[in-house]
Amino acid sequence: MPRHSKKKTAPEPRRDNRVVVIQDVEYFIEWPQLDVGHSFFLPTLEMPKKVEKILAPFAEELGYTFEVRVRCEYGRYGVRVWRVY
């Protein structure tokens, strides 16, 4: 009879409220430095509505409002996120 070993799982990493994960890629964002009118670019193939949904918990927690648009910058496709409030 074969022996089955229990699969060990890694402990769940501590959620860092500065890390946004999109398609298994982690983006580190310094939220306190993001003033109204500032923006950042996320190189991703994800659609803007999905990025908005991913950013929604951060926006709610911080009291921010974002505008997300598809862009091609630095020769890469992605989205630019503006803090509008």
Protein backbone atom coordinates (compact mmCIF):
# COMPACT_ATOMS: atom_id res chain seq x y z
CA MET A 1 0.00 0.00 0.00
CA PRO A 2 1.50 3.37 -1.03
CA ARG A 3 2.26 5.88 1.66
CA HIS A 4 0.72 9.28 1.25
CA SER A 5 2.47 12.20 2.77
CA LYS A 6 0.55 15.26 3.74
CA LYS A 7 1.32 18.10 1.42
CA LYS A 8 2.87 20.93 3.37
CA THR A 9 1.57 24.33 2.46
CA ALA A 10 3.49 27.52 2.91
CA PRO A 11 2.09 29.92 5.48
CA GLU A 12 -0.12 32.62 4.06
CA PRO A 13 2.01 35.73 3.50
CA ARG A 14 1.15 38.81 5.52
CA ARG A 15 -0.97 41.14 3.44
CA ASP A 16 1.00 44.28 2.71
CA ASN A 17 -1.39 47.10 1.92
CA ARG A 18 1.19 48.56 -0.48
CA VAL A 19 1.27 45.52 -2.77
CA VAL A 20 -1.24 45.20 -5.61
CA VAL A 21 -1.35 41.79 -7.30
CA ILE A 22 -2.55 41.62 -10.92
CA GLN A 23 -2.26 38.34 -12.82
CA ASP A 24 0.17 36.97 -10.20
CA VAL A 25 2.47 39.97 -10.60
CA GLU A 26 3.10 42.10 -7.50
CA TYR A 27 3.26 45.88 -7.84
CA PHE A 28 4.58 47.91 -4.89
CA ILE A 29 2.80 51.25 -4.59
CA GLU A 30 3.63 53.97 -2.08
CA TRP A 31 0.05 55.11 -1.44
CA PRO A 32 0.95 58.00 0.95
CA GLN A 33 3.02 59.64 -1.80
CA LEU A 34 0.13 59.47 -4.30
CA ASP A 35 -1.44 62.93 -4.17
CA VAL A 36 -4.51 64.03 -6.12
CA GLY A 37 -3.49 64.38 -9.78
CA HIS A 38 -0.58 61.94 -9.52
CA SER A 39 -0.57 58.72 -11.52
CA PHE A 40 1.30 55.47 -11.99
CA PHE A 41 1.63 53.01 -14.86
CA LEU A 42 0.99 49.28 -14.48
CA PRO A 43 2.31 47.16 -17.35
CA THR A 44 -0.44 44.53 -17.61
CA LEU A 45 -2.69 42.91 -20.16
CA GLU A 46 -5.62 43.13 -17.75
CA MET A 47 -8.55 45.31 -18.79
CA PRO A 48 -9.18 48.63 -16.97
CA LYS A 49 -12.46 47.47 -15.39
CA LYS A 50 -10.68 44.49 -13.84
CA VAL A 51 -7.86 46.73 -12.56
CA GLU A 52 -10.48 49.07 -11.05
CA LYS A 53 -12.04 46.07 -9.29
CA ILE A 54 -8.62 44.99 -7.96
CA LEU A 55 -7.87 48.53 -6.74
CA ALA A 56 -11.33 49.01 -5.16
CA PRO A 57 -10.38 47.68 -1.68
CA PHE A 58 -7.34 49.99 -1.60
CA ALA A 59 -9.45 52.95 -2.72
CA GLU A 60 -12.07 52.22 -0.07
CA GLU A 61 -9.49 51.78 2.69
CA LEU A 62 -7.61 54.96 1.76
CA GLY A 63 -10.60 57.10 0.73
CA TYR A 64 -9.16 57.58 -2.77
CA THR A 65 -10.90 57.70 -6.14
CA PHE A 66 -9.08 56.42 -9.23
CA GLU A 67 -9.38 56.86 -12.99
CA VAL A 68 -7.97 53.93 -14.98
CA ARG A 69 -7.19 54.09 -18.72
CA VAL A 70 -5.53 51.77 -21.24
CA ARG A 71 -2.16 53.07 -22.37
CA CYS A 72 0.88 52.06 -24.35
CA GLU A 73 3.91 53.56 -22.62
CA TYR A 74 7.58 52.75 -22.71
CA GLY A 75 6.76 50.34 -25.54
CA ARG A 76 4.54 48.30 -23.22
CA TYR A 77 0.79 47.84 -23.06
CA GLY A 78 -0.85 48.51 -19.70
CA VAL A 79 -3.02 50.86 -17.70
CA ARG A 80 -2.34 54.24 -16.16
CA VAL A 81 -4.04 54.94 -12.85
CA TRP A 82 -4.71 58.52 -11.76
CA ARG A 83 -5.77 59.53 -8.29
CA VAL A 84 -8.62 61.98 -8.91
CA TYR A 85 -9.81 62.42 -5.32
